[in-house]
Amino acid sequence: MILFALFSLISASYAEYRVYQYYVFSKTLNLNSPPPTLVTTTLDPKSYVAYHGGRDSIEVNLLRSWMCLGNTNHQDFCLISEGKELNEGNIE
């Protein structure tokens, strides 16, 4: 009975997550430099920069951020119209 109650609580729990939208610029100056790119991810600005080579290789400008609310189990990023937009500044 206790296991059933715990399973019910776990399956009824909801996870929320934050989505970030960045404009990413390469700092490498060569003929094969990728063009600026619009990126949507769940990585926060510092983690995104660190994961993609650090401040010496890319520049990230935060455009917007929002929370995906409710049951987000096995779903793609929610659209900004489905979430709650959060105001942020630019990250360099």
Protein backbone atom coordinates (compact mmCIF):
# COMPACT_ATOMS: atom_id res chain seq x y z
CA MET A 1 0.00 0.00 0.00
CA ILE A 2 2.83 2.41 0.82
CA LEU A 3 4.53 1.70 -2.50
CA PHE A 4 1.30 2.43 -4.36
CA ALA A 5 0.93 5.77 -2.54
CA LEU A 6 4.53 6.76 -3.33
CA PHE A 7 4.12 5.79 -6.99
CA SER A 8 0.95 7.89 -7.20
CA LEU A 9 2.76 10.93 -5.83
CA ILE A 10 5.70 10.50 -8.18
CA SER A 11 3.56 10.08 -11.29
CA ALA A 12 1.42 13.09 -10.34
CA SER A 13 4.41 15.43 -9.92
CA TYR A 14 5.07 18.10 -12.53
CA ALA A 15 8.37 19.59 -13.63
CA GLU A 16 8.86 23.11 -14.86
CA TYR A 17 11.88 24.36 -16.74
CA ARG A 18 13.27 27.58 -18.13
CA VAL A 19 13.94 28.13 -21.83
CA TYR A 20 16.45 30.69 -23.10
CA GLN A 21 16.68 32.17 -26.59
CA TYR A 22 20.09 33.53 -27.63
CA TYR A 23 21.67 35.16 -30.62
CA VAL A 24 25.11 33.51 -30.82
CA PHE A 25 28.14 35.03 -32.59
CA SER A 26 31.44 33.29 -33.29
CA LYS A 27 34.54 35.19 -32.14
CA THR A 28 36.87 33.22 -34.39
CA LEU A 29 37.92 35.27 -37.39
CA ASN A 30 38.51 32.99 -40.35
CA LEU A 31 36.85 32.14 -43.66
CA ASN A 32 34.92 29.22 -42.16
CA SER A 33 33.38 31.11 -39.23
CA PRO A 34 29.72 30.19 -38.79
CA PRO A 35 27.19 33.00 -39.27
CA PRO A 36 25.33 34.37 -36.24
CA THR A 37 22.67 31.90 -35.12
CA LEU A 38 19.40 32.02 -33.19
CA VAL A 39 19.51 29.31 -30.50
CA THR A 40 16.76 28.06 -28.17
CA THR A 41 17.99 25.95 -25.24
CA THR A 42 17.50 25.10 -21.58
CA LEU A 43 21.14 25.94 -20.75
CA ASP A 44 21.59 29.15 -18.77
CA PRO A 45 23.91 31.77 -20.33
CA LYS A 46 27.05 30.87 -18.38
CA SER A 47 26.61 27.13 -18.96
CA TYR A 48 25.90 27.65 -22.67
CA VAL A 49 29.06 29.71 -23.16
CA ALA A 50 31.19 27.25 -21.15
CA TYR A 51 29.79 24.22 -23.01
CA HIS A 52 30.41 25.79 -26.43
CA GLY A 53 34.03 26.85 -26.03
CA GLY A 54 34.06 29.72 -23.55
CA ARG A 55 34.10 33.49 -23.86
CA ASP A 56 37.08 33.44 -26.22
CA SER A 57 35.18 31.52 -28.90
CA ILE A 58 31.55 32.76 -28.77
CA GLU A 59 29.48 35.74 -27.73
CA VAL A 60 25.92 35.19 -26.51
CA ASN A 61 23.18 37.83 -26.46
CA LEU A 62 20.11 36.80 -24.49
CA LEU A 63 16.97 37.78 -26.40
CA ARG A 64 14.28 36.34 -24.14
CA SER A 65 13.59 33.72 -21.53
CA TRP A 66 10.43 31.96 -20.38
CA MET A 67 9.24 29.20 -18.09
CA CYS A 68 7.48 26.10 -19.40
CA LEU A 69 4.89 25.38 -16.74
CA GLY A 70 2.90 22.32 -15.77
CA ASN A 71 3.46 18.78 -16.97
CA THR A 72 6.48 18.98 -19.29
CA ASN A 73 7.14 15.24 -19.37
CA HIS A 74 8.56 14.04 -22.73
CA GLN A 75 7.80 17.26 -24.61
CA ASP A 76 9.80 19.61 -26.81
CA PHE A 77 10.34 23.17 -25.62
CA CYS A 78 7.07 24.95 -25.05
CA LEU A 79 6.38 27.98 -27.21
CA ILE A 80 6.78 31.39 -25.64
CA SER A 81 3.01 31.88 -25.92
CA GLU A 82 2.50 28.74 -23.81
CA GLY A 83 4.96 29.77 -21.12
CA LYS A 84 5.57 32.71 -18.83
CA GLU A 85 8.07 35.22 -20.26
CA LEU A 86 10.82 36.46 -17.94
CA ASN A 87 12.64 39.74 -18.49
CA GLU A 88 16.43 39.55 -18.73
CA GLY A 89 19.29 41.68 -19.99
CA ASN A 90 22.02 40.82 -22.48
CA ILE A 91 24.83 38.48 -21.51
CA GLU A 92 28.28 39.13 -22.95
